[in-house]
Each structure stands twice: as structure tokens, then as C-alpha cells.
Amino acid sequence: MRLAVPATTEEALAWLVARAHETWDVRPDTDLVAVLTPMARAMAALTTLDIPERIEPNAW
């Protein structure tokens, strides 16, 4: 399985910041961006992988 268009780090970071704002009403400041950037990089990297359909989520 592969996403049709891989996400960029910037897109993933924007999504994470938006969820943090919705969930905890925090403003996107420098500290929040610094904390979420490694997660955004990881999320973007995962969207480029070609994962076989037979792999179940949380199967490891």
C-alpha cells in the first residue's frame, strides 16, 4: 500500500500543529514546532514506503 501522493514534512507538520491547536488550544510557537518536527519528518518518511497489503496495522 502506498499513498497516492507522499506527504511532505511541511504538510505533516502543518497537520500536527493544527491537531495540537484543536485538541489543546495551543498556539503554534517555536517550541511547539521544534517538538513536532521530528514526528512530522517520520510521518513524511512513512508515506514514501511501499508497504505490502498483507501487513496489518500494529502487527509487529
N, C-alpha and C. Protein backbone atom coordinates (compact mmCIF):
# COMPACT_ATOMS: atom_id res chain seq x y z
N MET A 1 0.84 -1.16 0.00
CA MET A 1 0.00 0.00 0.00
C MET A 1 0.89 1.23 0.00
N ARG A 2 0.52 2.20 -0.76
CA ARG A 2 1.27 3.43 -0.82
C ARG A 2 0.28 4.57 -1.00
N LEU A 3 0.53 5.67 -0.35
CA LEU A 3 -0.33 6.83 -0.55
C LEU A 3 -0.14 7.32 -1.97
N ALA A 4 -1.19 7.85 -2.56
CA ALA A 4 -1.13 8.32 -3.94
C ALA A 4 -0.07 9.40 -4.10
N VAL A 5 -0.02 10.32 -3.18
CA VAL A 5 0.98 11.38 -3.21
C VAL A 5 1.63 11.43 -1.83
N PRO A 6 2.92 11.14 -1.77
CA PRO A 6 3.59 11.20 -0.46
C PRO A 6 3.49 12.59 0.16
N ALA A 7 3.33 12.63 1.45
CA ALA A 7 3.26 13.90 2.17
C ALA A 7 4.65 14.47 2.37
N THR A 8 4.72 15.78 2.43
CA THR A 8 5.99 16.43 2.74
C THR A 8 6.07 16.65 4.24
N THR A 9 7.27 16.93 4.72
CA THR A 9 7.45 17.24 6.14
C THR A 9 6.62 18.46 6.51
N GLU A 10 6.58 19.45 5.63
CA GLU A 10 5.82 20.67 5.92
C GLU A 10 4.33 20.38 6.04
N GLU A 11 3.81 19.51 5.18
CA GLU A 11 2.39 19.15 5.25
C GLU A 11 2.09 18.40 6.54
N ALA A 12 2.95 17.47 6.89
CA ALA A 12 2.76 16.70 8.12
C ALA A 12 2.85 17.62 9.33
N LEU A 13 3.79 18.54 9.32
CA LEU A 13 3.94 19.47 10.44
C LEU A 13 2.72 20.37 10.56
N ALA A 14 2.21 20.85 9.47
CA ALA A 14 1.01 21.69 9.50
C ALA A 14 -0.17 20.90 10.07
N TRP A 15 -0.29 19.64 9.69
CA TRP A 15 -1.36 18.79 10.21
C TRP A 15 -1.22 18.60 11.72
N LEU A 16 0.01 18.30 12.18
CA LEU A 16 0.25 18.10 13.61
C LEU A 16 -0.02 19.37 14.41
N VAL A 17 0.41 20.50 13.90
CA VAL A 17 0.19 21.77 14.60
C VAL A 17 -1.32 22.06 14.68
N ALA A 18 -2.03 21.80 13.60
CA ALA A 18 -3.48 22.02 13.60
C ALA A 18 -4.17 21.12 14.62
N ARG A 19 -3.76 19.85 14.69
CA ARG A 19 -4.37 18.94 15.67
C ARG A 19 -4.05 19.39 17.09
N ALA A 20 -2.84 19.85 17.34
CA ALA A 20 -2.47 20.33 18.68
C ALA A 20 -3.32 21.54 19.05
N HIS A 21 -3.54 22.41 18.10
CA HIS A 21 -4.37 23.59 18.36
C HIS A 21 -5.81 23.18 18.64
N GLU A 22 -6.35 22.27 17.84
CA GLU A 22 -7.73 21.81 18.05
C GLU A 22 -7.90 21.09 19.39
N THR A 23 -6.94 20.25 19.71
CA THR A 23 -7.06 19.40 20.89
C THR A 23 -6.76 20.13 22.19
N TRP A 24 -5.66 20.90 22.20
CA TRP A 24 -5.22 21.53 23.45
C TRP A 24 -5.26 23.06 23.42
N ASP A 25 -5.74 23.63 22.30
CA ASP A 25 -5.82 25.08 22.15
C ASP A 25 -4.46 25.75 22.36
N VAL A 26 -3.40 25.12 21.86
CA VAL A 26 -2.07 25.72 21.93
C VAL A 26 -1.78 26.47 20.64
N ARG A 27 -1.04 27.52 20.75
CA ARG A 27 -0.66 28.32 19.59
C ARG A 27 0.64 27.77 19.00
N PRO A 28 0.75 27.82 17.68
CA PRO A 28 1.98 27.30 17.03
C PRO A 28 3.17 28.23 17.24
N ASP A 29 3.90 28.03 18.33
CA ASP A 29 5.10 28.82 18.58
C ASP A 29 6.34 28.01 18.22
N THR A 30 7.49 28.61 18.41
CA THR A 30 8.76 27.98 18.04
C THR A 30 8.99 26.67 18.80
N ASP A 31 8.65 26.64 20.08
CA ASP A 31 8.85 25.42 20.88
C ASP A 31 7.97 24.27 20.38
N LEU A 32 6.72 24.56 20.08
CA LEU A 32 5.82 23.52 19.58
C LEU A 32 6.32 22.96 18.25
N VAL A 33 6.71 23.83 17.36
CA VAL A 33 7.22 23.40 16.06
C VAL A 33 8.48 22.56 16.24
N ALA A 34 9.36 22.95 17.15
CA ALA A 34 10.59 22.20 17.39
C ALA A 34 10.30 20.79 17.90
N VAL A 35 9.28 20.67 18.75
CA VAL A 35 8.92 19.36 19.30
C VAL A 35 8.26 18.48 18.25
N LEU A 36 7.43 19.07 17.40
CA LEU A 36 6.67 18.27 16.43
C LEU A 36 7.42 17.98 15.14
N THR A 37 8.49 18.69 14.85
CA THR A 37 9.20 18.50 13.59
C THR A 37 9.76 17.08 13.41
N PRO A 38 10.39 16.47 14.41
CA PRO A 38 10.86 15.08 14.20
C PRO A 38 9.71 14.11 13.88
N MET A 39 8.56 14.29 14.52
CA MET A 39 7.41 13.43 14.22
C MET A 39 6.93 13.68 12.80
N ALA A 40 6.91 14.93 12.37
CA ALA A 40 6.49 15.25 11.01
C ALA A 40 7.43 14.62 9.98
N ARG A 41 8.73 14.65 10.26
CA ARG A 41 9.70 14.00 9.36
C ARG A 41 9.43 12.51 9.26
N ALA A 42 9.16 11.89 10.39
CA ALA A 42 8.87 10.44 10.40
C ALA A 42 7.59 10.13 9.65
N MET A 43 6.57 10.94 9.85
CA MET A 43 5.31 10.72 9.15
C MET A 43 5.50 10.85 7.64
N ALA A 44 6.26 11.87 7.22
CA ALA A 44 6.52 12.06 5.79
C ALA A 44 7.30 10.88 5.22
N ALA A 45 8.26 10.38 5.98
CA ALA A 45 9.05 9.23 5.51
C ALA A 45 8.17 7.99 5.34
N LEU A 46 7.24 7.79 6.25
CA LEU A 46 6.35 6.63 6.16
C LEU A 46 5.47 6.67 4.92
N THR A 47 5.11 7.86 4.47
CA THR A 47 4.24 7.95 3.30
C THR A 47 4.95 7.56 2.01
N THR A 48 6.28 7.45 2.05
CA THR A 48 7.02 7.07 0.84
C THR A 48 7.25 5.56 0.75
N LEU A 49 6.96 4.84 1.82
CA LEU A 49 7.20 3.40 1.84
C LEU A 49 6.15 2.64 1.04
N ASP A 50 6.59 1.56 0.45
CA ASP A 50 5.68 0.67 -0.25
C ASP A 50 5.42 -0.52 0.68
N ILE A 51 4.33 -0.45 1.43
CA ILE A 51 4.01 -1.47 2.42
C ILE A 51 3.05 -2.47 1.80
N PRO A 52 3.40 -3.76 1.84
CA PRO A 52 2.53 -4.77 1.25
C PRO A 52 1.15 -4.78 1.90
N GLU A 53 0.13 -5.05 1.11
CA GLU A 53 -1.24 -5.07 1.60
C GLU A 53 -1.45 -6.10 2.70
N ARG A 54 -0.66 -7.16 2.71
CA ARG A 54 -0.85 -8.22 3.69
C ARG A 54 -0.40 -7.82 5.10
N ILE A 55 0.31 -6.71 5.22
CA ILE A 55 0.78 -6.24 6.53
C ILE A 55 -0.37 -5.53 7.25
N GLU A 56 -0.73 -6.06 8.39
CA GLU A 56 -1.80 -5.47 9.19
C GLU A 56 -1.23 -4.34 10.05
N PRO A 57 -2.02 -3.32 10.31
CA PRO A 57 -1.56 -2.28 11.25
C PRO A 57 -1.30 -2.89 12.63
N ASN A 58 -0.27 -2.45 13.28
CA ASN A 58 0.11 -2.92 14.61
C ASN A 58 0.37 -4.42 14.66
N ALA A 59 0.83 -5.00 13.56
CA ALA A 59 1.06 -6.44 13.51
C ALA A 59 2.42 -6.83 14.09
N TRP A 60 3.25 -5.86 14.43
CA TRP A 60 4.59 -6.23 14.91
C TRP A 60 4.60 -6.41 16.36
